[in-house]
N, C-alpha and C. Protein backbone atom coordinates (compact mmCIF):
# COMPACT_ATOMS: atom_id res chain seq x y z
N MET A 1 26.24 61.74 54.51
CA MET A 1 26.76 63.08 54.32
C MET A 1 28.27 63.03 54.51
N LYS A 2 28.97 63.82 53.75
CA LYS A 2 30.42 63.85 53.84
C LYS A 2 30.89 65.13 54.54
N PHE A 3 31.95 64.98 55.34
CA PHE A 3 32.55 66.10 56.06
C PHE A 3 34.06 66.06 55.83
N LEU A 4 34.64 67.20 55.51
CA LEU A 4 36.08 67.30 55.37
C LEU A 4 36.66 67.82 56.67
N CYS A 5 37.65 67.12 57.20
CA CYS A 5 38.35 67.54 58.41
C CYS A 5 39.69 68.12 58.00
N LEU A 6 39.89 69.39 58.28
CA LEU A 6 41.16 70.07 58.01
C LEU A 6 41.93 70.08 59.33
N ILE A 7 43.11 69.49 59.31
CA ILE A 7 43.88 69.28 60.53
C ILE A 7 44.97 70.35 60.61
N TYR A 8 44.92 71.13 61.68
CA TYR A 8 45.87 72.23 61.89
C TYR A 8 46.77 71.93 63.08
N LEU A 9 48.07 72.21 62.92
CA LEU A 9 49.04 72.07 64.01
C LEU A 9 49.98 73.26 64.00
N ASP A 10 50.53 73.57 65.13
CA ASP A 10 51.54 74.61 65.25
C ASP A 10 52.86 74.04 64.74
N GLU A 11 53.37 74.55 63.62
CA GLU A 11 54.59 74.00 63.03
C GLU A 11 55.80 74.16 63.94
N THR A 12 55.81 75.20 64.78
CA THR A 12 56.97 75.35 65.67
C THR A 12 56.98 74.25 66.72
N GLU A 13 55.80 73.82 67.18
CA GLU A 13 55.74 72.72 68.14
C GLU A 13 56.05 71.38 67.49
N SER A 14 55.43 71.12 66.33
CA SER A 14 55.66 69.83 65.68
C SER A 14 57.08 69.73 65.14
N GLY A 15 57.72 70.86 64.89
CA GLY A 15 59.10 70.85 64.41
C GLY A 15 60.10 70.44 65.47
N THR A 16 59.67 70.44 66.74
CA THR A 16 60.57 70.04 67.83
C THR A 16 60.45 68.56 68.18
N LEU A 17 59.51 67.85 67.53
CA LEU A 17 59.33 66.43 67.81
C LEU A 17 60.41 65.59 67.13
N ALA A 18 60.80 64.53 67.78
CA ALA A 18 61.76 63.59 67.19
C ALA A 18 61.07 62.89 66.02
N GLN A 19 61.85 62.44 65.05
CA GLN A 19 61.29 61.77 63.88
C GLN A 19 60.47 60.55 64.29
N SER A 20 60.91 59.82 65.29
CA SER A 20 60.17 58.64 65.75
C SER A 20 58.79 59.04 66.30
N ASP A 21 58.72 60.19 66.98
CA ASP A 21 57.44 60.68 67.50
C ASP A 21 56.52 61.09 66.35
N LEU A 22 57.08 61.75 65.34
CA LEU A 22 56.28 62.12 64.16
C LEU A 22 55.77 60.88 63.44
N ASP A 23 56.63 59.88 63.30
CA ASP A 23 56.23 58.63 62.65
C ASP A 23 55.10 57.95 63.42
N SER A 24 55.20 57.95 64.75
CA SER A 24 54.16 57.34 65.59
C SER A 24 52.84 58.09 65.44
N LEU A 25 52.91 59.44 65.41
CA LEU A 25 51.70 60.24 65.24
C LEU A 25 51.03 59.95 63.91
N HIS A 26 51.83 59.85 62.84
CA HIS A 26 51.26 59.56 61.52
C HIS A 26 50.64 58.17 61.49
N LEU A 27 51.30 57.18 62.08
CA LEU A 27 50.77 55.83 62.11
C LEU A 27 49.47 55.77 62.91
N GLU A 28 49.45 56.43 64.06
CA GLU A 28 48.25 56.47 64.89
C GLU A 28 47.10 57.14 64.14
N SER A 29 47.41 58.20 63.40
CA SER A 29 46.38 58.92 62.65
C SER A 29 45.76 58.04 61.58
N LYS A 30 46.57 57.24 60.92
CA LYS A 30 46.06 56.37 59.85
C LYS A 30 45.07 55.35 60.37
N THR A 31 45.19 54.97 61.64
CA THR A 31 44.24 53.99 62.18
C THR A 31 42.89 54.63 62.48
N HIS A 32 42.79 55.94 62.54
CA HIS A 32 41.54 56.62 62.88
C HIS A 32 40.81 57.18 61.67
N VAL A 33 41.54 57.67 60.69
CA VAL A 33 40.90 58.36 59.58
C VAL A 33 41.51 57.90 58.26
N GLU A 34 40.67 57.53 57.31
CA GLU A 34 41.16 57.13 55.98
C GLU A 34 41.12 58.35 55.08
N LEU A 35 42.28 58.63 54.45
CA LEU A 35 42.32 59.78 53.55
C LEU A 35 41.65 59.43 52.22
N LEU A 36 40.74 60.30 51.81
CA LEU A 36 39.99 60.09 50.57
C LEU A 36 40.06 61.35 49.72
N HIS A 37 39.52 61.27 48.52
CA HIS A 37 39.47 62.45 47.65
C HIS A 37 38.39 63.40 48.14
N ALA A 38 38.70 64.68 48.15
CA ALA A 38 37.77 65.69 48.67
C ALA A 38 36.89 66.25 47.56
N GLY A 39 35.68 66.67 47.92
CA GLY A 39 34.79 67.36 47.01
C GLY A 39 34.91 68.85 47.20
N VAL A 40 33.87 69.58 46.86
CA VAL A 40 33.86 71.03 47.00
C VAL A 40 33.33 71.38 48.39
N LEU A 41 34.00 72.30 49.07
CA LEU A 41 33.62 72.66 50.43
C LEU A 41 32.49 73.67 50.47
N GLU A 42 31.68 73.57 51.50
CA GLU A 42 30.72 74.63 51.80
C GLU A 42 31.51 75.84 52.29
N ALA A 43 30.87 76.98 52.46
CA ALA A 43 31.53 78.19 52.96
C ALA A 43 32.07 77.95 54.36
N SER A 44 33.10 78.69 54.73
CA SER A 44 33.75 78.47 56.03
C SER A 44 32.80 78.74 57.20
N ASN A 45 31.75 79.53 57.00
CA ASN A 45 30.82 79.76 58.12
C ASN A 45 29.97 78.53 58.43
N ALA A 46 30.05 77.48 57.60
CA ALA A 46 29.36 76.22 57.88
C ALA A 46 30.25 75.28 58.69
N ALA A 47 31.48 75.69 58.97
CA ALA A 47 32.45 74.84 59.67
C ALA A 47 32.27 74.90 61.17
N VAL A 48 32.75 73.86 61.83
CA VAL A 48 32.96 73.87 63.27
C VAL A 48 34.40 73.45 63.49
N THR A 49 35.00 73.91 64.57
CA THR A 49 36.39 73.57 64.89
C THR A 49 36.41 72.79 66.20
N LEU A 50 37.15 71.70 66.18
CA LEU A 50 37.23 70.80 67.33
C LEU A 50 38.63 70.83 67.92
N ARG A 51 38.71 70.87 69.23
CA ARG A 51 39.97 70.75 69.95
C ARG A 51 39.75 69.75 71.08
N ARG A 52 40.68 68.82 71.25
CA ARG A 52 40.58 67.88 72.37
C ARG A 52 41.72 68.17 73.31
N ARG A 53 41.42 68.46 74.54
CA ARG A 53 42.41 68.74 75.58
C ARG A 53 42.13 67.80 76.74
N ASP A 54 43.05 66.89 77.00
CA ASP A 54 42.85 65.86 78.02
C ASP A 54 41.53 65.14 77.72
N ALA A 55 40.62 65.12 78.64
CA ALA A 55 39.36 64.40 78.44
C ALA A 55 38.25 65.28 77.86
N SER A 56 38.52 66.55 77.63
CA SER A 56 37.49 67.48 77.15
C SER A 56 37.57 67.66 75.64
N VAL A 57 36.42 67.63 74.99
CA VAL A 57 36.31 67.93 73.57
C VAL A 57 35.62 69.28 73.47
N LEU A 58 36.31 70.27 72.88
CA LEU A 58 35.79 71.63 72.74
C LEU A 58 35.42 71.86 71.28
N VAL A 59 34.20 72.25 71.01
CA VAL A 59 33.71 72.49 69.66
C VAL A 59 33.24 73.94 69.58
N SER A 60 33.76 74.67 68.58
CA SER A 60 33.32 76.05 68.39
C SER A 60 32.84 76.24 66.96
N ASP A 61 31.87 77.14 66.77
CA ASP A 61 31.34 77.42 65.44
C ASP A 61 32.37 78.17 64.62
N GLY A 62 32.42 77.89 63.34
CA GLY A 62 33.28 78.61 62.42
C GLY A 62 34.62 77.94 62.20
N PRO A 63 35.40 78.49 61.28
CA PRO A 63 36.69 77.91 60.93
C PRO A 63 37.74 78.18 62.01
N CYS A 64 38.82 77.44 61.92
CA CYS A 64 39.95 77.65 62.83
C CYS A 64 40.54 79.02 62.50
N SER A 65 40.67 79.88 63.49
CA SER A 65 41.14 81.23 63.22
C SER A 65 42.51 81.52 63.81
N SER A 66 43.10 80.54 64.48
CA SER A 66 44.41 80.76 65.09
C SER A 66 45.48 80.82 64.00
N THR A 67 46.23 81.92 63.93
CA THR A 67 47.23 82.05 62.89
C THR A 67 48.52 81.30 63.20
N ARG A 68 48.68 80.82 64.44
CA ARG A 68 49.90 80.08 64.74
C ARG A 68 49.80 78.63 64.31
N GLU A 69 48.59 78.18 63.94
CA GLU A 69 48.40 76.82 63.47
C GLU A 69 48.28 76.81 61.95
N GLN A 70 48.94 75.84 61.33
CA GLN A 70 48.92 75.73 59.87
C GLN A 70 48.26 74.42 59.47
N LEU A 71 47.68 74.40 58.29
CA LEU A 71 47.05 73.20 57.76
C LEU A 71 48.11 72.13 57.55
N ARG A 72 47.95 70.97 58.18
CA ARG A 72 48.93 69.89 58.12
C ARG A 72 48.37 68.61 57.52
N GLY A 73 47.07 68.52 57.36
CA GLY A 73 46.49 67.31 56.80
C GLY A 73 45.00 67.47 56.61
N LEU A 74 44.40 66.46 55.98
CA LEU A 74 42.96 66.47 55.79
C LEU A 74 42.45 65.05 55.75
N ALA A 75 41.17 64.91 56.03
CA ALA A 75 40.51 63.61 55.97
C ALA A 75 39.07 63.84 55.57
N LEU A 76 38.54 62.94 54.77
CA LEU A 76 37.15 63.01 54.36
C LEU A 76 36.37 61.94 55.12
N LEU A 77 35.36 62.37 55.88
CA LEU A 77 34.55 61.45 56.67
C LEU A 77 33.18 61.28 56.03
N ASP A 78 32.63 60.08 56.10
CA ASP A 78 31.26 59.83 55.71
C ASP A 78 30.49 59.56 57.00
N ALA A 79 29.63 60.49 57.37
CA ALA A 79 28.90 60.39 58.64
C ALA A 79 27.45 60.80 58.41
N PRO A 80 26.53 60.28 59.21
CA PRO A 80 25.12 60.61 59.01
C PRO A 80 24.77 62.06 59.35
N HIS A 81 25.56 62.70 60.23
CA HIS A 81 25.28 64.08 60.62
C HIS A 81 26.53 64.66 61.29
N LEU A 82 26.50 65.96 61.55
CA LEU A 82 27.65 66.67 62.11
C LEU A 82 28.10 66.10 63.45
N ASP A 83 27.17 65.77 64.33
CA ASP A 83 27.55 65.25 65.65
C ASP A 83 28.35 63.95 65.52
N ALA A 84 27.98 63.11 64.57
CA ALA A 84 28.73 61.86 64.35
C ALA A 84 30.12 62.17 63.81
N ALA A 85 30.25 63.15 62.92
CA ALA A 85 31.56 63.53 62.39
C ALA A 85 32.44 64.08 63.51
N ILE A 86 31.87 64.84 64.43
CA ILE A 86 32.62 65.38 65.57
C ILE A 86 33.13 64.24 66.45
N ARG A 87 32.27 63.24 66.69
CA ARG A 87 32.70 62.10 67.52
C ARG A 87 33.88 61.37 66.89
N VAL A 88 33.86 61.19 65.56
CA VAL A 88 34.96 60.52 64.87
C VAL A 88 36.22 61.39 64.91
N ALA A 89 36.08 62.67 64.60
CA ALA A 89 37.24 63.57 64.56
C ALA A 89 37.89 63.74 65.93
N ALA A 90 37.13 63.57 66.99
CA ALA A 90 37.69 63.70 68.34
C ALA A 90 38.77 62.66 68.61
N HIS A 91 38.80 61.59 67.82
CA HIS A 91 39.80 60.54 68.01
C HIS A 91 41.03 60.72 67.13
N VAL A 92 41.06 61.76 66.30
CA VAL A 92 42.24 62.03 65.48
C VAL A 92 43.34 62.53 66.42
N PRO A 93 44.50 61.88 66.42
CA PRO A 93 45.56 62.25 67.37
C PRO A 93 45.96 63.72 67.33
N ALA A 94 45.91 64.35 66.18
CA ALA A 94 46.32 65.76 66.08
C ALA A 94 45.41 66.68 66.88
N ALA A 95 44.21 66.26 67.23
CA ALA A 95 43.30 67.10 68.01
C ALA A 95 43.83 67.36 69.41
N ARG A 96 44.75 66.51 69.89
CA ARG A 96 45.29 66.68 71.24
C ARG A 96 46.15 67.93 71.36
N SER A 97 46.82 68.34 70.29
CA SER A 97 47.68 69.52 70.38
C SER A 97 47.32 70.59 69.36
N GLY A 98 46.57 70.24 68.34
CA GLY A 98 46.17 71.20 67.31
C GLY A 98 44.67 71.37 67.31
N SER A 99 44.10 71.57 66.13
CA SER A 99 42.66 71.70 66.01
C SER A 99 42.22 71.09 64.69
N ILE A 100 40.94 70.77 64.62
CA ILE A 100 40.38 70.17 63.42
C ILE A 100 39.15 70.97 63.02
N GLU A 101 39.19 71.54 61.84
CA GLU A 101 38.04 72.26 61.29
C GLU A 101 37.21 71.25 60.49
N ILE A 102 35.91 71.17 60.78
CA ILE A 102 35.03 70.20 60.14
C ILE A 102 34.03 70.96 59.28
N ARG A 103 34.01 70.64 57.97
CA ARG A 103 33.08 71.32 57.06
C ARG A 103 32.26 70.31 56.28
N PRO A 104 30.96 70.58 56.11
CA PRO A 104 30.16 69.74 55.21
C PRO A 104 30.67 69.89 53.78
N VAL A 105 30.61 68.81 53.03
CA VAL A 105 31.08 68.82 51.63
C VAL A 105 29.86 68.83 50.71
N ARG A 106 29.88 69.70 49.74
CA ARG A 106 28.82 69.75 48.73
C ARG A 106 28.93 68.53 47.82
N THR A 107 27.83 68.18 47.21
CA THR A 107 27.86 67.12 46.21
C THR A 107 28.64 67.63 45.01
N PRO A 108 29.67 66.86 44.58
CA PRO A 108 30.47 67.33 43.44
C PRO A 108 29.63 67.46 42.16
N ILE A 109 29.98 68.43 41.34
CA ILE A 109 29.34 68.63 40.05
C ILE A 109 30.11 67.83 39.02
N PRO A 110 29.46 66.94 38.27
CA PRO A 110 30.19 66.15 37.25
C PRO A 110 30.82 67.07 36.20
N LEU A 111 32.06 66.79 35.85
CA LEU A 111 32.77 67.63 34.88
C LEU A 111 32.66 67.10 33.45
N SER A 112 32.11 65.92 33.28
CA SER A 112 32.02 65.36 31.92
C SER A 112 30.69 65.60 31.29
C-alpha cells in the first residue's frame, strides 16, 4: 500500500535557519525518505497527522489543520499498513519541528 506524506513547516521558523542548517536538514531528510511520483490522494478525512516532539510521537486523525504551517515537501512511502507508514514517517527530520500528514494513495487510473 502506498502512503503520501505531506511535510508541513512554519515558514517563519525555517526562514530564520542558517543556510548550512537548511542544507543539513535537506541532506538528513534524503537519507530517510525517497521522493517518488505521487498518485491520486484519498479524501483528507482518511489522513493522519504525525508530530514528533523529543521522544514522543503524536498521531492525530485527519489532516494538518494548523494555518501557521505550510506545505514544504512530500514523500511517497510503500508500506504494508498505516502503522508501518507512521513508524517510517516518525524518522523524517521535519517531524521534529513541523508535522507530517499521512494519506493513503488510491491506485492510479491509467490515462492511455
